[in-house]
Amino acid sequence: MVLLIVVLLLALVLGGAGFALHALWWIALVVLALWLLGFVFRGERAGAGGRSRWYRW
């Protein structure tokens, strides 16, 4: 009985970790897309004589 509970808890933890990792991949893809769009639109804001930096600090 204890072995069954341990196996079920392990399956629950691994299933939760799998869902969390899947969600993190989607969040990472969205952040990457926004970051790449920042390069495109920041280049237009720089103007003819301005310097465009890839960082904000």
Protein backbone atom coordinates (compact mmCIF):
# COMPACT_ATOMS: atom_id res chain seq x y z
CA MET A 1 0.00 0.00 0.00
CA VAL A 2 2.83 2.40 0.83
CA LEU A 3 4.53 1.57 -2.47
CA LEU A 4 1.32 2.43 -4.34
CA ILE A 5 1.10 5.80 -2.58
CA VAL A 6 4.76 6.54 -3.34
CA VAL A 7 4.28 5.68 -7.03
CA LEU A 8 1.15 7.84 -7.25
CA LEU A 9 2.88 10.77 -5.56
CA LEU A 10 5.85 10.42 -7.88
CA ALA A 11 3.56 10.39 -10.91
CA LEU A 12 1.77 13.48 -9.59
CA VAL A 13 5.03 15.37 -9.03
CA LEU A 14 6.48 14.44 -12.42
CA GLY A 15 3.22 15.26 -14.17
CA GLY A 16 3.12 18.66 -12.48
CA ALA A 17 6.74 19.32 -13.39
CA GLY A 18 6.03 18.38 -17.00
CA PHE A 19 3.12 20.83 -17.15
CA ALA A 20 5.21 23.58 -15.56
CA LEU A 21 8.07 23.02 -18.01
CA HIS A 22 5.65 23.05 -20.93
CA ALA A 23 4.17 26.35 -19.73
CA LEU A 24 7.65 27.82 -19.25
CA TRP A 25 8.57 26.95 -22.85
CA TRP A 26 5.53 28.86 -24.12
CA ILE A 27 6.39 31.85 -21.93
CA ALA A 28 9.99 31.74 -23.19
CA LEU A 29 8.79 31.74 -26.81
CA VAL A 30 6.56 34.77 -26.19
CA VAL A 31 9.42 36.66 -24.50
CA LEU A 32 11.75 35.78 -27.37
CA ALA A 33 9.23 37.06 -29.93
CA LEU A 34 8.81 40.34 -28.02
CA TRP A 35 12.58 40.71 -27.71
CA LEU A 36 13.04 40.23 -31.47
CA LEU A 37 10.25 42.71 -32.21
CA GLY A 38 12.08 45.17 -29.97
CA PHE A 39 15.07 45.02 -32.32
CA VAL A 40 12.87 45.80 -35.32
CA PHE A 41 10.97 48.73 -33.79
CA ARG A 42 13.89 50.18 -31.85
CA GLY A 43 15.82 50.45 -35.13
CA GLU A 44 13.14 52.76 -36.50
CA ARG A 45 13.16 54.96 -33.37
CA ALA A 46 16.90 55.55 -33.54
CA GLY A 47 16.57 58.01 -36.42
CA ALA A 48 19.19 58.86 -39.00
CA GLY A 49 21.93 60.09 -36.67
CA GLY A 50 21.06 58.25 -33.44
CA ARG A 51 22.70 55.18 -32.01
CA SER A 52 20.52 52.23 -31.13
CA ARG A 53 21.58 50.00 -28.25
CA TRP A 54 20.33 46.48 -27.63
CA TYR A 55 20.10 47.10 -23.90
CA ARG A 56 18.21 49.76 -21.92
CA TRP A 57 20.63 50.50 -19.08
